[in-house]
Every structure is written in structure tokens, then in C-alpha cells.
Amino acid sequence: VEAHTDPVPYNKPPLIDNWDLSVKRATSVVR
């Protein structure tokens, strides 16, 4: 499962950027 985002900055704790968001989305689909 490979998640991608757009370049709009993301920062909603506990996630701090688009890297965190893309990884979290990938693990959510995996689950």
C-alpha cells in the first residue's frame, strides 16, 4: 500500500508533515 499526498503543508498533531500523513494513510489501509 503506497500513499501519496499533494504539497500543501500538513501539521495536525500528532502528525507533523506530509510524510507522517502518507505513512499513516498507508498503515490505515493495511489494517
PDB file of all heavy atoms in Angstrom:
ATOM      1  N   VAL A   1       0.869  -1.182   0.000  1.00  0.00           N
ATOM      2  CA  VAL A   1       0.000   0.000   0.000  1.00  0.00           C
ATOM      3  C   VAL A   1       0.907   1.233   0.000  1.00  0.00           C
ATOM      4  O   VAL A   1       1.716   1.419   0.909  1.00  0.00           O
ATOM      5  CB  VAL A   1      -0.924   0.009   1.229  1.00  0.00           C
ATOM      6  CG1 VAL A   1      -1.784   1.271   1.205  1.00  0.00           C
ATOM      7  CG2 VAL A   1      -1.792  -1.245   1.255  1.00  0.00           C
ATOM      8  N   GLU A   2       0.769   2.055  -1.025  1.00  0.00           N
ATOM      9  CA  GLU A   2       1.661   3.206  -1.238  1.00  0.00           C
ATOM     10  C   GLU A   2       0.808   4.476  -1.259  1.00  0.00           C
ATOM     11  O   GLU A   2       0.033   4.696  -2.184  1.00  0.00           O
ATOM     12  CB  GLU A   2       2.400   3.019  -2.573  1.00  0.00           C
ATOM     13  CG  GLU A   2       3.412   4.069  -2.904  1.00  0.00           C
ATOM     14  CD  GLU A   2       4.029   3.819  -4.269  1.00  0.00           C
ATOM     15  OE1 GLU A   2       3.460   4.283  -5.274  1.00  0.00           O
ATOM     16  OE2 GLU A   2       5.061   3.125  -4.328  1.00  0.00           O
ATOM     17  N   ALA A   3       0.936   5.312  -0.212  1.00  0.00           N
ATOM     18  CA  ALA A   3       0.117   6.524  -0.097  1.00  0.00           C
ATOM     19  C   ALA A   3       0.893   7.760  -0.530  1.00  0.00           C
ATOM     20  O   ALA A   3       2.087   7.890  -0.252  1.00  0.00           O
ATOM     21  CB  ALA A   3      -0.368   6.686   1.339  1.00  0.00           C
ATOM     22  N   HIS A   4       0.184   8.672  -1.231  1.00  0.00           N
ATOM     23  CA  HIS A   4       0.785   9.909  -1.736  1.00  0.00           C
ATOM     24  C   HIS A   4      -0.064  11.107  -1.299  1.00  0.00           C
ATOM     25  O   HIS A   4      -1.280  10.999  -1.137  1.00  0.00           O
ATOM     26  CB  HIS A   4       0.840   9.887  -3.270  1.00  0.00           C
ATOM     27  CG  HIS A   4       1.662   8.777  -3.823  1.00  0.00           C
ATOM     28  ND1 HIS A   4       2.920   8.963  -4.336  1.00  0.00           N
ATOM     29  CD2 HIS A   4       1.393   7.443  -3.949  1.00  0.00           C
ATOM     30  CE1 HIS A   4       3.394   7.806  -4.771  1.00  0.00           C
ATOM     31  NE2 HIS A   4       2.482   6.866  -4.546  1.00  0.00           N
ATOM     32  N   THR A   5       0.578  12.253  -1.142  1.00  0.00           N
ATOM     33  CA  THR A   5      -0.136  13.482  -0.798  1.00  0.00           C
ATOM     34  C   THR A   5       0.185  14.567  -1.815  1.00  0.00           C
ATOM     35  O   THR A   5       1.063  14.396  -2.674  1.00  0.00           O
ATOM     36  CB  THR A   5       0.269  13.990   0.597  1.00  0.00           C
ATOM     37  OG1 THR A   5       1.623  14.480   0.542  1.00  0.00           O
ATOM     38  CG2 THR A   5       0.160  12.899   1.652  1.00  0.00           C
ATOM     39  N   ASP A   6      -0.498  15.708  -1.718  1.00  0.00           N
ATOM     40  CA  ASP A   6      -0.108  16.877  -2.503  1.00  0.00           C
ATOM     41  C   ASP A   6       0.897  17.686  -1.668  1.00  0.00           C
ATOM     42  O   ASP A   6       1.206  17.318  -0.526  1.00  0.00           O
ATOM     43  CB  ASP A   6      -1.333  17.715  -2.879  1.00  0.00           C
ATOM     44  CG  ASP A   6      -2.076  18.235  -1.657  1.00  0.00           C
ATOM     45  OD1 ASP A   6      -1.446  18.397  -0.593  1.00  0.00           O
ATOM     46  OD2 ASP A   6      -3.296  18.471  -1.762  1.00  0.00           O
ATOM     47  N   PRO A   7       1.432  18.793  -2.175  1.00  0.00           N
ATOM     48  CA  PRO A   7       2.470  19.537  -1.441  1.00  0.00           C
ATOM     49  C   PRO A   7       1.936  20.535  -0.415  1.00  0.00           C
ATOM     50  O   PRO A   7       2.740  21.254   0.213  1.00  0.00           O
ATOM     51  CB  PRO A   7       3.234  20.254  -2.558  1.00  0.00           C
ATOM     52  CG  PRO A   7       2.215  20.482  -3.611  1.00  0.00           C
ATOM     53  CD  PRO A   7       1.304  19.294  -3.575  1.00  0.00           C
ATOM     54  N   VAL A   8       0.627  20.603  -0.225  1.00  0.00           N
ATOM     55  CA  VAL A   8       0.093  21.546   0.767  1.00  0.00           C
ATOM     56  C   VAL A   8       0.601  21.139   2.151  1.00  0.00           C
ATOM     57  O   VAL A   8       0.437  19.986   2.565  1.00  0.00           O
ATOM     58  CB  VAL A   8      -1.441  21.555   0.742  1.00  0.00           C
ATOM     59  CG1 VAL A   8      -1.979  22.475   1.832  1.00  0.00           C
ATOM     60  CG2 VAL A   8      -1.956  21.984  -0.633  1.00  0.00           C
ATOM     61  N   PRO A   9       1.250  22.047   2.895  1.00  0.00           N
ATOM     62  CA  PRO A   9       1.818  21.693   4.205  1.00  0.00           C
ATOM     63  C   PRO A   9       0.752  21.112   5.138  1.00  0.00           C
ATOM     64  O   PRO A   9      -0.393  21.569   5.175  1.00  0.00           O
ATOM     65  CB  PRO A   9       2.357  23.024   4.727  1.00  0.00           C
ATOM     66  CG  PRO A   9       2.614  23.832   3.503  1.00  0.00           C
ATOM     67  CD  PRO A   9       1.537  23.459   2.535  1.00  0.00           C
ATOM     68  N   TYR A  10       1.173  20.106   5.896  1.00  0.00           N
ATOM     69  CA  TYR A  10       0.250  19.442   6.825  1.00  0.00           C
ATOM     70  C   TYR A  10       0.891  19.404   8.211  1.00  0.00           C
ATOM     71  O   TYR A  10       2.051  19.000   8.353  1.00  0.00           O
ATOM     72  CB  TYR A  10      -0.046  18.020   6.336  1.00  0.00           C
ATOM     73  CG  TYR A  10      -1.019  17.259   7.207  1.00  0.00           C
ATOM     74  CD1 TYR A  10      -2.386  17.358   7.009  1.00  0.00           C
ATOM     75  CD2 TYR A  10      -0.559  16.460   8.243  1.00  0.00           C
ATOM     76  CE1 TYR A  10      -3.286  16.662   7.809  1.00  0.00           C
ATOM     77  CE2 TYR A  10      -1.447  15.764   9.054  1.00  0.00           C
ATOM     78  CZ  TYR A  10      -2.812  15.866   8.837  1.00  0.00           C
ATOM     79  OH  TYR A  10      -3.693  15.191   9.638  1.00  0.00           O
ATOM     80  N   ASN A  11       0.104  19.784   9.233  1.00  0.00           N
ATOM     81  CA  ASN A  11       0.618  19.745  10.602  1.00  0.00           C
ATOM     82  C   ASN A  11      -0.562  19.693  11.577  1.00  0.00           C
ATOM     83  O   ASN A  11      -1.077  20.715  12.014  1.00  0.00           O
ATOM     84  CB  ASN A  11       1.497  20.966  10.880  1.00  0.00           C
ATOM     85  CG  ASN A  11       2.154  20.882  12.262  1.00  0.00           C
ATOM     86  OD1 ASN A  11       1.865  19.987  13.059  1.00  0.00           O
ATOM     87  ND2 ASN A  11       3.035  21.827  12.550  1.00  0.00           N
ATOM     88  N   LYS A  12      -0.987  18.455  11.851  1.00  0.00           N
ATOM     89  CA  LYS A  12      -2.066  18.234  12.809  1.00  0.00           C
ATOM     90  C   LYS A  12      -1.580  17.170  13.789  1.00  0.00           C
ATOM     91  O   LYS A  12      -1.571  15.983  13.455  1.00  0.00           O
ATOM     92  CB  LYS A  12      -3.341  17.773  12.114  1.00  0.00           C
ATOM     93  CG  LYS A  12      -3.991  18.854  11.251  1.00  0.00           C
ATOM     94  CD  LYS A  12      -5.290  18.355  10.633  1.00  0.00           C
ATOM     95  CE  LYS A  12      -5.928  19.440   9.764  1.00  0.00           C
ATOM     96  NZ  LYS A  12      -7.209  18.984   9.149  1.00  0.00           N
ATOM     97  N   PRO A  13      -1.122  17.619  14.971  1.00  0.00           N
ATOM     98  CA  PRO A  13      -0.572  16.662  15.938  1.00  0.00           C
ATOM     99  C   PRO A  13      -1.529  15.476  16.145  1.00  0.00           C
ATOM    100  O   PRO A  13      -2.752  15.638  16.129  1.00  0.00           O
ATOM    101  CB  PRO A  13      -0.435  17.498  17.212  1.00  0.00           C
ATOM    102  CG  PRO A  13      -0.275  18.900  16.711  1.00  0.00           C
ATOM    103  CD  PRO A  13      -1.143  18.984  15.491  1.00  0.00           C
ATOM    104  N   PRO A  14      -0.983  14.268  16.273  1.00  0.00           N
ATOM    105  CA  PRO A  14       0.456  14.005  16.447  1.00  0.00           C
ATOM    106  C   PRO A  14       1.253  13.982  15.137  1.00  0.00           C
ATOM    107  O   PRO A  14       2.462  13.775  15.163  1.00  0.00           O
ATOM    108  CB  PRO A  14       0.455  12.619  17.084  1.00  0.00           C
ATOM    109  CG  PRO A  14      -0.746  11.966  16.505  1.00  0.00           C
ATOM    110  CD  PRO A  14      -1.798  13.038  16.398  1.00  0.00           C
ATOM    111  N   LEU A  15       0.614  14.171  13.972  1.00  0.00           N
ATOM    112  CA  LEU A  15       1.338  14.179  12.694  1.00  0.00           C
ATOM    113  C   LEU A  15       1.889  15.575  12.440  1.00  0.00           C
ATOM    114  O   LEU A  15       1.227  16.574  12.728  1.00  0.00           O
ATOM    115  CB  LEU A  15       0.404  13.768  11.561  1.00  0.00           C
ATOM    116  CG  LEU A  15      -0.386  12.459  11.775  1.00  0.00           C
ATOM    117  CD1 LEU A  15      -1.185  12.130  10.524  1.00  0.00           C
ATOM    118  CD2 LEU A  15       0.536  11.310  12.149  1.00  0.00           C
ATOM    119  N   ILE A  16       3.088  15.628  11.883  1.00  0.00           N
ATOM    120  CA  ILE A  16       3.733  16.930  11.730  1.00  0.00           C
ATOM    121  C   ILE A  16       3.936  17.352  10.274  1.00  0.00           C
ATOM    122  O   ILE A  16       4.208  18.520  10.003  1.00  0.00           O
ATOM    123  CB  ILE A  16       5.095  16.963  12.459  1.00  0.00           C
ATOM    124  CG1 ILE A  16       6.067  15.934  11.830  1.00  0.00           C
ATOM    125  CG2 ILE A  16       4.916  16.698  13.934  1.00  0.00           C
ATOM    126  CD1 ILE A  16       7.471  16.044  12.389  1.00  0.00           C
ATOM    127  N   ASP A  17       3.819  16.431   9.322  1.00  0.00           N
ATOM    128  CA  ASP A  17       4.016  16.817   7.917  1.00  0.00           C
ATOM    129  C   ASP A  17       3.398  15.776   6.989  1.00  0.00           C
ATOM    130  O   ASP A  17       2.755  14.816   7.431  1.00  0.00           O
ATOM    131  CB  ASP A  17       5.508  17.018   7.601  1.00  0.00           C
ATOM    132  CG  ASP A  17       6.344  15.773   7.883  1.00  0.00           C
ATOM    133  OD1 ASP A  17       5.759  14.676   8.052  1.00  0.00           O
ATOM    134  OD2 ASP A  17       7.577  15.900   7.955  1.00  0.00           O
ATOM    135  N   ASN A  18       3.604  15.982   5.709  1.00  0.00           N
ATOM    136  CA  ASN A  18       3.020  15.086   4.700  1.00  0.00           C
ATOM    137  C   ASN A  18       3.625  13.681   4.732  1.00  0.00           C
ATOM    138  O   ASN A  18       2.976  12.720   4.332  1.00  0.00           O
ATOM    139  CB  ASN A  18       3.185  15.686   3.306  1.00  0.00           C
ATOM    140  CG  ASN A  18       2.193  16.809   3.054  1.00  0.00           C
ATOM    141  OD1 ASN A  18       1.046  16.726   3.489  1.00  0.00           O
ATOM    142  ND2 ASN A  18       2.636  17.861   2.384  1.00  0.00           N
ATOM    143  N   TRP A  19       4.868  13.584   5.195  1.00  0.00           N
ATOM    144  CA  TRP A  19       5.450  12.243   5.366  1.00  0.00           C
ATOM    145  C   TRP A  19       4.607  11.453   6.376  1.00  0.00           C
ATOM    146  O   TRP A  19       4.227  10.302   6.112  1.00  0.00           O
ATOM    147  CB  TRP A  19       6.890  12.344   5.876  1.00  0.00           C
ATOM    148  CG  TRP A  19       7.922  12.585   4.820  1.00  0.00           C
ATOM    149  CD1 TRP A  19       8.706  13.682   4.658  1.00  0.00           C
ATOM    150  CD2 TRP A  19       8.292  11.684   3.775  1.00  0.00           C
ATOM    151  NE1 TRP A  19       9.537  13.534   3.596  1.00  0.00           N
ATOM    152  CE2 TRP A  19       9.318  12.309   3.028  1.00  0.00           C
ATOM    153  CE3 TRP A  19       7.873  10.421   3.393  1.00  0.00           C
ATOM    154  CZ2 TRP A  19       9.916  11.722   1.920  1.00  0.00           C
ATOM    155  CZ3 TRP A  19       8.468   9.817   2.286  1.00  0.00           C
ATOM    156  CH2 TRP A  19       9.471  10.462   1.567  1.00  0.00           C
ATOM    157  N   ASP A  20       4.364  12.053   7.488  1.00  0.00           N
ATOM    158  CA  ASP A  20       3.565  11.371   8.513  1.00  0.00           C
ATOM    159  C   ASP A  20       2.176  11.008   7.989  1.00  0.00           C
ATOM    160  O   ASP A  20       1.679   9.903   8.207  1.00  0.00           O
ATOM    161  CB  ASP A  20       3.409  12.265   9.749  1.00  0.00           C
ATOM    162  CG  ASP A  20       4.639  12.219  10.647  1.00  0.00           C
ATOM    163  OD1 ASP A  20       5.546  11.424  10.362  1.00  0.00           O
ATOM    164  OD2 ASP A  20       4.684  12.978  11.632  1.00  0.00           O
ATOM    165  N   LEU A  21       1.577  11.946   7.277  1.00  0.00           N
ATOM    166  CA  LEU A  21       0.221  11.708   6.769  1.00  0.00           C
ATOM    167  C   LEU A  21       0.190  10.555   5.779  1.00  0.00           C
ATOM    168  O   LEU A  21      -0.689   9.682   5.850  1.00  0.00           O
ATOM    169  CB  LEU A  21      -0.318  12.986   6.120  1.00  0.00           C
ATOM    170  CG  LEU A  21      -1.726  12.879   5.507  1.00  0.00           C
ATOM    171  CD1 LEU A  21      -2.750  12.507   6.584  1.00  0.00           C
ATOM    172  CD2 LEU A  21      -2.114  14.195   4.821  1.00  0.00           C
ATOM    173  N   SER A  22       1.151  10.533   4.857  1.00  0.00           N
ATOM    174  CA  SER A  22       1.158   9.476   3.840  1.00  0.00           C
ATOM    175  C   SER A  22       1.405   8.105   4.477  1.00  0.00           C
ATOM    176  O   SER A  22       0.759   7.116   4.117  1.00  0.00           O
ATOM    177  CB  SER A  22       2.213   9.762   2.760  1.00  0.00           C
ATOM    178  OG  SER A  22       3.523   9.748   3.297  1.00  0.00           O
ATOM    179  N   VAL A  23       2.326   8.040   5.439  1.00  0.00           N
ATOM    180  CA  VAL A  23       2.605   6.762   6.104  1.00  0.00           C
ATOM    181  C   VAL A  23       1.380   6.311   6.901  1.00  0.00           C
ATOM    182  O   VAL A  23       0.999   5.126   6.869  1.00  0.00           O
ATOM    183  CB  VAL A  23       3.839   6.883   7.015  1.00  0.00           C
ATOM    184  CG1 VAL A  23       4.000   5.621   7.855  1.00  0.00           C
ATOM    185  CG2 VAL A  23       5.092   7.129   6.183  1.00  0.00           C
ATOM    186  N   LYS A  24       0.753   7.238   7.603  1.00  0.00           N
ATOM    187  CA  LYS A  24      -0.408   6.893   8.420  1.00  0.00           C
ATOM    188  C   LYS A  24      -1.558   6.398   7.546  1.00  0.00           C
ATOM    189  O   LYS A  24      -2.273   5.456   7.898  1.00  0.00           O
ATOM    190  CB  LYS A  24      -0.843   8.115   9.236  1.00  0.00           C
ATOM    191  CG  LYS A  24      -1.853   7.802  10.329  1.00  0.00           C
ATOM    192  CD  LYS A  24      -1.278   6.859  11.360  1.00  0.00           C
ATOM    193  CE  LYS A  24      -2.277   6.610  12.486  1.00  0.00           C
ATOM    194  NZ  LYS A  24      -1.796   5.621  13.473  1.00  0.00           N
ATOM    195  N   ARG A  25      -1.766   7.007   6.403  1.00  0.00           N
ATOM    196  CA  ARG A  25      -2.805   6.554   5.486  1.00  0.00           C
ATOM    197  C   ARG A  25      -2.495   5.152   4.955  1.00  0.00           C
ATOM    198  O   ARG A  25      -3.393   4.314   4.826  1.00  0.00           O
ATOM    199  CB  ARG A  25      -2.959   7.552   4.336  1.00  0.00           C
ATOM    200  CG  ARG A  25      -3.704   8.811   4.744  1.00  0.00           C
ATOM    201  CD  ARG A  25      -3.900   9.761   3.578  1.00  0.00           C
ATOM    202  NE  ARG A  25      -4.835  10.842   3.941  1.00  0.00           N
ATOM    203  CZ  ARG A  25      -5.215  11.802   3.110  1.00  0.00           C
ATOM    204  NH1 ARG A  25      -4.709  11.863   1.877  1.00  0.00           N
ATOM    205  NH2 ARG A  25      -6.079  12.734   3.509  1.00  0.00           N
ATOM    206  N   ALA A  26      -1.223   4.900   4.659  1.00  0.00           N
ATOM    207  CA  ALA A  26      -0.840   3.574   4.168  1.00  0.00           C
ATOM    208  C   ALA A  26      -1.107   2.511   5.233  1.00  0.00           C
ATOM    209  O   ALA A  26      -1.661   1.442   4.940  1.00  0.00           O
ATOM    210  CB  ALA A  26       0.628   3.567   3.760  1.00  0.00           C
ATOM    211  N   THR A  27      -0.724   2.791   6.483  1.00  0.00           N
ATOM    212  CA  THR A  27      -0.936   1.804   7.549  1.00  0.00           C
ATOM    213  C   THR A  27      -2.428   1.637   7.847  1.00  0.00           C
ATOM    214  O   THR A  27      -2.883   0.538   8.198  1.00  0.00           O
ATOM    215  CB  THR A  27      -0.189   2.212   8.834  1.00  0.00           C
ATOM    216  OG1 THR A  27      -0.592   3.533   9.228  1.00  0.00           O
ATOM    217  CG2 THR A  27       1.317   2.184   8.607  1.00  0.00           C
ATOM    218  N   SER A  28      -3.218   2.679   7.661  1.00  0.00           N
ATOM    219  CA  SER A  28      -4.660   2.564   7.880  1.00  0.00           C
ATOM    220  C   SER A  28      -5.279   1.605   6.869  1.00  0.00           C
ATOM    221  O   SER A  28      -6.120   0.758   7.217  1.00  0.00           O
ATOM    222  CB  SER A  28      -5.327   3.940   7.766  1.00  0.00           C
ATOM    223  OG  SER A  28      -4.895   4.800   8.795  1.00  0.00           O
ATOM    224  N   VAL A  29      -4.868   1.701   5.606  1.00  0.00           N
ATOM    225  CA  VAL A  29      -5.376   0.797   4.569  1.00  0.00           C
ATOM    226  C   VAL A  29      -4.904  -0.623   4.840  1.00  0.00           C
ATOM    227  O   VAL A  29      -5.662  -1.597   4.672  1.00  0.00           O
ATOM    228  CB  VAL A  29      -4.944   1.276   3.168  1.00  0.00           C
ATOM    229  CG1 VAL A  29      -5.320   0.248   2.106  1.00  0.00           C
ATOM    230  CG2 VAL A  29      -5.576   2.628   2.849  1.00  0.00           C
ATOM    231  N   VAL A  30      -3.639  -0.763   5.254  1.00  0.00           N
ATOM    232  CA  VAL A  30      -3.107  -2.089   5.573  1.00  0.00           C
ATOM    233  C   VAL A  30      -3.947  -2.748   6.659  1.00  0.00           C
ATOM    234  O   VAL A  30      -4.274  -3.944   6.590  1.00  0.00           O
ATOM    235  CB  VAL A  30      -1.620  -1.979   6.004  1.00  0.00           C
ATOM    236  CG1 VAL A  30      -1.182  -3.243   6.728  1.00  0.00           C
ATOM    237  CG2 VAL A  30      -0.736  -1.735   4.781  1.00  0.00           C
ATOM    238  N   ARG A  31      -4.308  -2.009   7.661  1.00  0.00           N
ATOM    239  CA  ARG A  31      -5.104  -2.575   8.762  1.00  0.00           C
ATOM    240  C   ARG A  31      -6.493  -3.010   8.284  1.00  0.00           C
ATOM    241  O   ARG A  31      -7.030  -4.033   8.729  1.00  0.00           O
ATOM    242  CB  ARG A  31      -5.198  -1.569   9.907  1.00  0.00           C
ATOM    243  CG  ARG A  31      -3.884  -1.389  10.652  1.00  0.00           C
ATOM    244  CD  ARG A  31      -4.066  -0.631  11.962  1.00  0.00           C
ATOM    245  NE  ARG A  31      -2.821  -0.632  12.720  1.00  0.00           N
ATOM    246  CZ  ARG A  31      -1.907   0.330  12.659  1.00  0.00           C
ATOM    247  NH1 ARG A  31      -2.117   1.375  11.889  1.00  0.00           N
ATOM    248  NH2 ARG A  31      -0.799   0.255  13.370  1.00  0.00           N
TER     249      ARG A  31
END
